[in-house]
Amino acid sequence: MSSVKHQLAGLFHAIPPVGRLIYRVAYGPCGTYLAYAWTIPGWLGRNEGLALAQRCYDLPENAVVVEVGSFLGKSAVVLGGARKLRGSGTVHCIDPFDASGDAFSVPVYRSIANRNPLSLREQFDAHIARAGLTDWVRAHQGTAASVAASWSEPIDLLFLDGDQSPEGARLAYDLWTPFLRAGGIIGLHNSTERVYDASHKGNRLLVEHTIRPPQYSEIVGLDITTFARKVR
């Protein structure tokens, strides 16, 4: 988990313009949105954040991106920024915004949530607006299951970062991957090889047993995120 200092960073204003310029020089066009993202509490590292932005940017015109598990919007800003730079597409962010999830994560979520008088949804919306992404990011307040029940649109990129209990991660995967196009990208946060609490290893188990050839190709782990391309 992030340090307390990292978690509190989201309570301050966005990186000033000179800082965003430095990020842009270091990381290219997506650097502006990476700079916004690093002020938001969350657990997306720079390498995986840049990889997520690049994969999102490389999607076709009018791409449909779905993120399951958004919390305060750290990765949503990265995804939304990439599509804004590309000039088309929508990022759909699914979260109950109630600090629920697997047993390992809930105490951390609640601790962060209690530091700010605004609700998690209000904080999420504020972070998206501050980054200038309101027209590119759409929040769906609900669980992976409740939103999937009325979903019908094919997906170009699916980022799974919600309830990471073995049962919760498997449920989200089973409900959402049927919508992922052949050739589409899947990303699973907290899934690379390391030691996980038993209640927090759902995405790791998916990578070990499910994100495998021949159904997936181009499987790569960056920081704590695994990316793969769906073959069929």
Protein backbone atom coordinates (compact mmCIF):
# COMPACT_ATOMS: atom_id res chain seq x y z
CA MET A 1 0.00 0.00 0.00
CA SER A 2 1.08 3.59 -0.45
CA SER A 3 2.68 5.57 2.32
CA VAL A 4 0.59 8.02 4.33
CA LYS A 5 2.42 10.85 2.56
CA HIS A 6 1.37 9.46 -0.82
CA GLN A 7 -2.22 9.00 0.31
CA LEU A 8 -2.44 12.58 1.59
CA ALA A 9 -1.12 13.97 -1.68
CA GLY A 10 -4.63 13.96 -3.09
CA LEU A 11 -5.71 16.56 -0.56
CA PHE A 12 -3.52 19.21 -2.17
CA HIS A 13 -3.87 21.10 -5.42
CA ALA A 14 -2.70 19.66 -8.72
CA ILE A 15 0.92 19.97 -9.72
CA PRO A 16 1.48 23.57 -10.93
CA PRO A 17 1.96 24.31 -14.64
CA VAL A 18 5.77 24.15 -14.47
CA GLY A 19 5.51 20.70 -12.91
CA ARG A 20 3.13 19.52 -15.61
CA LEU A 21 5.59 20.83 -18.21
CA ILE A 22 8.36 18.77 -16.62
CA TYR A 23 6.14 15.67 -16.71
CA ARG A 24 5.32 16.35 -20.35
CA VAL A 25 9.00 16.61 -21.25
CA ALA A 26 9.76 13.41 -19.33
CA TYR A 27 6.77 11.31 -20.41
CA GLY A 28 5.53 12.82 -23.67
CA PRO A 29 2.01 14.13 -24.35
CA CYS A 30 0.49 11.91 -21.66
CA GLY A 31 2.77 13.52 -19.08
CA THR A 32 0.24 16.27 -18.35
CA TYR A 33 -2.30 13.70 -17.18
CA LEU A 34 0.29 11.62 -15.34
CA ALA A 35 1.08 14.79 -13.39
CA TYR A 36 -2.56 15.24 -12.44
CA ALA A 37 -2.83 11.56 -11.51
CA TRP A 38 0.10 11.56 -9.09
CA THR A 39 -1.70 14.04 -6.82
CA ILE A 40 -4.60 11.58 -6.35
CA PRO A 41 -4.41 8.85 -3.68
CA GLY A 42 -3.99 5.44 -5.27
CA TRP A 43 -1.54 2.70 -6.17
CA LEU A 44 -0.72 3.13 -9.85
CA GLY A 45 3.04 3.34 -10.42
CA ARG A 46 4.68 5.54 -13.04
CA ASN A 47 5.76 2.70 -15.34
CA GLU A 48 2.38 1.00 -15.34
CA GLY A 49 0.61 4.36 -15.56
CA LEU A 50 2.57 5.29 -18.66
CA ALA A 51 1.96 1.84 -20.16
CA LEU A 52 -1.76 2.14 -19.43
CA ALA A 53 -1.89 5.57 -21.06
CA GLN A 54 -0.01 4.39 -24.14
CA ARG A 55 -2.21 1.32 -24.61
CA CYS A 56 -5.31 3.46 -24.22
CA TYR A 57 -4.03 6.07 -26.65
CA ASP A 58 -3.22 3.40 -29.26
CA LEU A 59 -6.80 2.13 -29.36
CA PRO A 60 -8.88 2.89 -32.46
CA GLU A 61 -11.12 5.90 -32.93
CA ASN A 62 -14.17 6.08 -30.68
CA ALA A 63 -12.71 3.42 -28.39
CA VAL A 64 -14.74 2.13 -25.47
CA VAL A 65 -12.70 1.81 -22.28
CA VAL A 66 -14.07 0.24 -19.09
CA GLU A 67 -12.42 0.47 -15.69
CA VAL A 68 -13.83 -1.69 -12.90
CA GLY A 69 -12.75 -0.13 -9.62
CA SER A 70 -11.98 3.59 -9.77
CA PHE A 71 -11.78 4.83 -6.14
CA LEU A 72 -10.70 8.50 -6.42
CA GLY A 73 -9.85 8.55 -10.12
CA LYS A 74 -6.07 8.11 -10.32
CA SER A 75 -6.09 5.66 -13.23
CA ALA A 76 -9.26 7.21 -14.67
CA VAL A 77 -7.33 10.45 -15.24
CA VAL A 78 -4.59 8.53 -17.06
CA LEU A 79 -7.13 6.70 -19.24
CA GLY A 80 -9.30 9.74 -19.88
CA GLY A 81 -6.29 11.90 -20.69
CA ALA A 82 -5.10 9.40 -23.27
CA ARG A 83 -8.44 9.43 -25.05
CA LYS A 84 -8.68 13.21 -24.90
CA LEU A 85 -5.29 13.41 -26.57
CA ARG A 86 -6.48 10.94 -29.20
CA GLY A 87 -9.63 13.02 -29.74
CA SER A 88 -12.33 10.38 -29.40
CA GLY A 89 -13.65 7.63 -27.17
CA THR A 90 -15.14 7.30 -23.70
CA VAL A 91 -13.78 5.93 -20.45
CA HIS A 92 -16.47 4.25 -18.33
CA CYS A 93 -15.58 4.04 -14.63
CA ILE A 94 -17.46 1.53 -12.49
CA ASP A 95 -17.33 1.84 -8.70
CA PRO A 96 -19.86 1.79 -5.84
CA PHE A 97 -17.94 4.72 -4.28
CA ASP A 98 -18.60 3.37 -0.80
CA ALA A 99 -15.10 2.15 0.22
CA SER A 100 -16.19 -1.48 -0.16
CA GLY A 101 -14.03 -4.27 -1.55
CA ASP A 102 -11.85 -7.10 -0.36
CA ALA A 103 -11.06 -7.44 3.34
CA PHE A 104 -7.44 -6.36 2.92
CA SER A 105 -8.31 -3.11 1.14
CA VAL A 106 -11.40 -1.85 2.96
CA PRO A 107 -9.61 -0.43 6.05
CA VAL A 108 -7.25 1.55 3.80
CA TYR A 109 -10.09 2.85 1.65
CA ARG A 110 -12.06 3.96 4.70
CA SER A 111 -9.03 5.65 6.25
CA ILE A 112 -8.47 7.71 3.12
CA ALA A 113 -12.18 8.46 2.71
CA ASN A 114 -12.47 9.72 6.28
CA ARG A 115 -9.83 12.39 5.74
CA ASN A 116 -12.05 14.41 3.43
CA PRO A 117 -15.59 15.71 4.14
CA LEU A 118 -16.60 15.08 0.52
CA SER A 119 -17.96 11.69 -0.47
CA LEU A 120 -15.78 9.39 -2.57
CA ARG A 121 -17.97 10.10 -5.59
CA GLU A 122 -17.67 13.86 -5.07
CA GLN A 123 -13.88 13.56 -4.79
CA PHE A 124 -13.74 11.42 -7.92
CA ASP A 125 -15.82 13.93 -9.88
CA ALA A 126 -13.63 16.80 -8.63
CA HIS A 127 -10.43 15.07 -9.73
CA ILE A 128 -11.84 14.36 -13.18
CA ALA A 129 -13.03 17.96 -13.55
CA ARG A 130 -9.71 19.40 -12.36
CA ALA A 131 -7.92 17.44 -15.09
CA GLY A 132 -10.36 18.77 -17.70
CA LEU A 133 -11.78 15.31 -18.45
CA THR A 134 -15.48 15.62 -17.60
CA ASP A 135 -16.43 15.10 -21.26
CA TRP A 136 -14.21 12.01 -21.57
CA VAL A 137 -14.94 10.07 -18.39
CA ARG A 138 -18.34 8.69 -17.39
CA ALA A 139 -18.88 7.31 -13.88
CA HIS A 140 -21.27 4.41 -13.29
CA GLN A 141 -21.99 4.19 -9.57
CA GLY A 142 -22.57 0.52 -8.83
CA THR A 143 -20.86 -2.84 -8.54
CA ALA A 144 -19.26 -4.79 -11.36
CA ALA A 145 -22.31 -7.05 -11.35
CA SER A 146 -25.01 -4.37 -11.21
CA VAL A 147 -23.53 -2.34 -14.08
CA ALA A 148 -22.78 -5.41 -16.20
CA ALA A 149 -26.44 -6.45 -15.97
CA SER A 150 -27.44 -3.66 -18.37
CA TRP A 151 -24.24 -3.41 -20.43
CA SER A 152 -24.21 -4.36 -24.12
CA GLU A 153 -21.39 -2.40 -25.80
CA PRO A 154 -18.17 -4.05 -27.07
CA ILE A 155 -15.06 -2.94 -25.17
CA ASP A 156 -11.61 -2.09 -26.54
CA LEU A 157 -9.75 -1.91 -23.22
CA LEU A 158 -10.80 -3.43 -19.89
CA PHE A 159 -8.94 -2.46 -16.70
CA LEU A 160 -9.81 -4.62 -13.68
CA ASP A 161 -9.00 -2.97 -10.34
CA GLY A 162 -12.08 -3.50 -8.17
CA ASP A 163 -12.81 -6.07 -5.46
CA GLN A 164 -9.71 -8.25 -5.52
CA SER A 165 -10.86 -11.11 -3.38
CA PRO A 166 -10.62 -14.36 -5.34
CA GLU A 167 -14.41 -14.46 -5.64
CA GLY A 168 -14.81 -10.76 -6.51
CA ALA A 169 -12.04 -10.72 -9.09
CA ARG A 170 -13.34 -13.85 -10.79
CA LEU A 171 -16.88 -12.47 -10.88
CA ALA A 172 -15.75 -9.20 -12.49
CA TYR A 173 -13.65 -11.10 -15.02
CA ASP A 174 -16.45 -13.50 -15.93
CA LEU A 175 -19.00 -10.69 -16.30
CA TRP A 176 -16.89 -8.22 -18.29
CA THR A 177 -14.48 -10.14 -20.51
CA PRO A 178 -17.27 -11.41 -22.81
CA PHE A 179 -17.64 -7.76 -23.90
CA LEU A 180 -13.92 -7.38 -24.66
CA ARG A 181 -13.31 -7.47 -28.40
CA ALA A 182 -10.91 -9.92 -29.97
CA GLY A 183 -7.71 -7.91 -30.19
CA GLY A 184 -8.72 -5.80 -27.21
CA ILE A 185 -6.50 -5.09 -24.21
CA ILE A 186 -7.04 -6.30 -20.65
CA GLY A 187 -5.16 -4.91 -17.66
CA LEU A 188 -5.25 -6.42 -14.18
CA HIS A 189 -3.90 -4.37 -11.30
CA ASN A 190 -2.21 -6.12 -8.35
CA SER A 191 -1.47 -9.19 -10.43
CA THR A 192 2.28 -9.54 -10.94
CA GLU A 193 4.32 -12.01 -8.92
CA ARG A 194 4.71 -11.04 -5.26
CA VAL A 195 3.24 -12.00 -1.88
CA TYR A 196 -0.46 -11.14 -1.51
CA ASP A 197 -2.86 -11.35 1.39
CA ALA A 198 -5.25 -14.25 0.80
CA SER A 199 -8.20 -11.85 0.49
CA HIS A 200 -6.36 -9.66 -2.04
CA LYS A 201 -4.93 -12.12 -4.57
CA GLY A 202 -7.86 -12.51 -6.96
CA ASN A 203 -6.25 -10.75 -9.92
CA ARG A 204 -3.01 -12.64 -9.35
CA LEU A 205 -4.90 -15.93 -9.51
CA LEU A 206 -6.52 -14.84 -12.78
CA VAL A 207 -3.10 -14.18 -14.30
CA GLU A 208 -1.73 -17.49 -13.06
CA HIS A 209 -4.62 -19.60 -14.30
CA THR A 210 -6.65 -17.70 -16.90
CA ILE A 211 -4.68 -14.96 -18.65
CA ARG A 212 -2.78 -17.52 -20.70
CA PRO A 213 -2.25 -18.54 -24.32
CA PRO A 214 -4.00 -19.33 -26.56
CA GLN A 215 -6.81 -17.06 -25.35
CA TYR A 216 -4.38 -14.20 -24.63
CA SER A 217 -1.14 -13.02 -26.19
CA GLU A 218 1.42 -10.25 -25.55
CA ILE A 219 1.23 -10.93 -21.82
CA VAL A 220 3.52 -8.58 -19.88
CA GLY A 221 3.83 -7.44 -16.28
CA LEU A 222 4.80 -3.85 -15.43
CA ASP A 223 5.13 -2.80 -11.80
CA ILE A 224 2.09 -4.55 -10.32
CA THR A 225 -0.14 -4.57 -13.43
CA THR A 226 -0.40 -7.33 -16.04
CA PHE A 227 -1.41 -6.42 -19.59
CA ALA A 228 -2.50 -8.86 -22.29
CA ARG A 229 -4.25 -8.87 -25.66
CA LYS A 230 -7.36 -10.99 -26.12
CA VAL A 231 -6.97 -13.37 -29.06
CA ARG A 232 -10.47 -14.78 -29.10
